[in-house]
Amino acid sequence: MAIGGVDCRMLEFAFYIDNFPFPIIADENRHLATKLGMLDPLNLDSISGIPLTVRAVFFIDPQKRLRLSILYPASTGRNFE
């Protein structure tokens, strides 16, 4: 299991948590997001004009095969409470 992000400022909180249980993947250049098809051409950053990344969850089995992917646009609200 790993947690990744394009905006690394949003991932900084994990460095301050003792024994954070997952690896953190920084993808500032969007290489991984591009390979995984996570860029949404319909939702552009209002400042830079580049596509936003979609929110994504990937389930990969022990044989490293993709079993399920869930993707939804950045414009979709979310609640972590």
C-alpha atoms as a PDB file:
ATOM      1  CA  MET A   1       0.000   0.000   0.000  1.00  0.00           C
ATOM      2  CA  ALA A   2       1.224   3.482  -0.805  1.00  0.00           C
ATOM      3  CA  ILE A   3      -0.088   7.021  -0.794  1.00  0.00           C
ATOM      4  CA  GLY A   4       0.864   9.333  -3.642  1.00  0.00           C
ATOM      5  CA  GLY A   5       0.347  12.898  -4.623  1.00  0.00           C
ATOM      6  CA  VAL A   6       1.233  15.525  -7.166  1.00  0.00           C
ATOM      7  CA  ASP A   7       1.073  18.417  -4.702  1.00  0.00           C
ATOM      8  CA  CYS A   8       3.753  17.405  -2.234  1.00  0.00           C
ATOM      9  CA  ARG A   9       2.761  20.130   0.217  1.00  0.00           C
ATOM     10  CA  MET A  10      -0.388  18.109   0.868  1.00  0.00           C
ATOM     11  CA  LEU A  11       1.709  15.049   1.752  1.00  0.00           C
ATOM     12  CA  GLU A  12       3.983  16.814   4.222  1.00  0.00           C
ATOM     13  CA  PHE A  13       1.677  16.016   7.139  1.00  0.00           C
ATOM     14  CA  ALA A  14       2.637  12.335   6.907  1.00  0.00           C
ATOM     15  CA  PHE A  15       6.268  13.104   7.687  1.00  0.00           C
ATOM     16  CA  TYR A  16       5.210  14.459  11.068  1.00  0.00           C
ATOM     17  CA  ILE A  17       3.226  11.383  12.089  1.00  0.00           C
ATOM     18  CA  ASP A  18       5.269   8.785  13.979  1.00  0.00           C
ATOM     19  CA  ASN A  19       5.234   5.350  12.373  1.00  0.00           C
ATOM     20  CA  PHE A  20       3.159   6.407   9.374  1.00  0.00           C
ATOM     21  CA  PRO A  21       2.019   3.010   8.017  1.00  0.00           C
ATOM     22  CA  PHE A  22       2.392   3.573   4.247  1.00  0.00           C
ATOM     23  CA  PRO A  23       5.115   4.621   1.820  1.00  0.00           C
ATOM     24  CA  ILE A  24       4.603   8.065   0.302  1.00  0.00           C
ATOM     25  CA  ILE A  25       5.128   8.641  -3.422  1.00  0.00           C
ATOM     26  CA  ALA A  26       5.847  12.196  -4.568  1.00  0.00           C
ATOM     27  CA  ASP A  27       4.891  12.770  -8.212  1.00  0.00           C
ATOM     28  CA  GLU A  28       5.587  16.477  -8.690  1.00  0.00           C
ATOM     29  CA  ASN A  29       6.372  16.032 -12.402  1.00  0.00           C
ATOM     30  CA  ARG A  30       3.207  13.951 -12.977  1.00  0.00           C
ATOM     31  CA  HIS A  31       5.105  11.054 -14.560  1.00  0.00           C
ATOM     32  CA  LEU A  32       3.266   8.388 -12.566  1.00  0.00           C
ATOM     33  CA  ALA A  33      -0.085  10.160 -12.896  1.00  0.00           C
ATOM     34  CA  THR A  34       0.382  10.258 -16.670  1.00  0.00           C
ATOM     35  CA  LYS A  35       1.310   6.559 -16.873  1.00  0.00           C
ATOM     36  CA  LEU A  36      -1.718   5.600 -14.764  1.00  0.00           C
ATOM     37  CA  GLY A  37      -4.140   7.743 -16.800  1.00  0.00           C
ATOM     38  CA  MET A  38      -4.905  10.045 -13.896  1.00  0.00           C
ATOM     39  CA  LEU A  39      -4.916  13.409 -15.716  1.00  0.00           C
ATOM     40  CA  ASP A  40      -8.348  14.889 -16.385  1.00  0.00           C
ATOM     41  CA  PRO A  41      -8.322  17.016 -19.571  1.00  0.00           C
ATOM     42  CA  LEU A  42     -11.720  18.497 -18.658  1.00  0.00           C
ATOM     43  CA  ASN A  43     -10.584  19.900 -15.284  1.00  0.00           C
ATOM     44  CA  LEU A  44      -7.759  22.406 -15.670  1.00  0.00           C
ATOM     45  CA  ASP A  45      -5.843  24.227 -12.967  1.00  0.00           C
ATOM     46  CA  SER A  46      -7.091  27.825 -12.970  1.00  0.00           C
ATOM     47  CA  ILE A  47      -3.570  29.246 -12.602  1.00  0.00           C
ATOM     48  CA  SER A  48      -1.314  26.990 -14.691  1.00  0.00           C
ATOM     49  CA  GLY A  49      -3.909  25.624 -17.116  1.00  0.00           C
ATOM     50  CA  ILE A  50      -2.558  22.081 -16.825  1.00  0.00           C
ATOM     51  CA  PRO A  51      -4.949  19.158 -16.260  1.00  0.00           C
ATOM     52  CA  LEU A  52      -5.739  18.293 -12.656  1.00  0.00           C
ATOM     53  CA  THR A  53      -5.211  14.763 -11.459  1.00  0.00           C
ATOM     54  CA  VAL A  54      -8.269  12.670 -10.745  1.00  0.00           C
ATOM     55  CA  ARG A  55      -8.736  11.057  -7.342  1.00  0.00           C
ATOM     56  CA  ALA A  56      -7.813   7.403  -7.735  1.00  0.00           C
ATOM     57  CA  VAL A  57      -7.709   4.141  -5.811  1.00  0.00           C
ATOM     58  CA  PHE A  58      -6.022   1.072  -7.276  1.00  0.00           C
ATOM     59  CA  PHE A  59      -6.302  -2.445  -5.860  1.00  0.00           C
ATOM     60  CA  ILE A  60      -3.371  -4.622  -6.928  1.00  0.00           C
ATOM     61  CA  ASP A  61      -3.159  -8.292  -5.972  1.00  0.00           C
ATOM     62  CA  PRO A  62      -0.014 -10.054  -4.653  1.00  0.00           C
ATOM     63  CA  GLN A  63       0.845 -11.078  -8.237  1.00  0.00           C
ATOM     64  CA  LYS A  64       0.911  -7.337  -9.089  1.00  0.00           C
ATOM     65  CA  ARG A  65      -2.202  -7.483 -11.288  1.00  0.00           C
ATOM     66  CA  LEU A  66      -4.674  -4.626 -11.224  1.00  0.00           C
ATOM     67  CA  ARG A  67      -7.951  -5.929  -9.802  1.00  0.00           C
ATOM     68  CA  LEU A  68      -9.947  -2.716  -9.414  1.00  0.00           C
ATOM     69  CA  SER A  69      -9.518   0.970 -10.121  1.00  0.00           C
ATOM     70  CA  ILE A  70     -11.772   3.746  -8.901  1.00  0.00           C
ATOM     71  CA  LEU A  71     -11.288   7.177 -10.441  1.00  0.00           C
ATOM     72  CA  TYR A  72     -13.335  10.336  -9.974  1.00  0.00           C
ATOM     73  CA  PRO A  73     -12.684  13.952 -10.984  1.00  0.00           C
ATOM     74  CA  ALA A  74     -10.975  16.470  -8.749  1.00  0.00           C
ATOM     75  CA  SER A  75     -14.151  18.545  -8.891  1.00  0.00           C
ATOM     76  CA  THR A  76     -16.044  15.864  -6.928  1.00  0.00           C
ATOM     77  CA  GLY A  77     -16.316  16.756  -3.264  1.00  0.00           C
ATOM     78  CA  ARG A  78     -14.981  14.496  -0.554  1.00  0.00           C
ATOM     79  CA  ASN A  79     -15.285  14.275   3.205  1.00  0.00           C
ATOM     80  CA  PHE A  80     -12.716  12.562   5.433  1.00  0.00           C
ATOM     81  CA  GLU A  81     -14.671  12.804   8.699  1.00  0.00           C
END
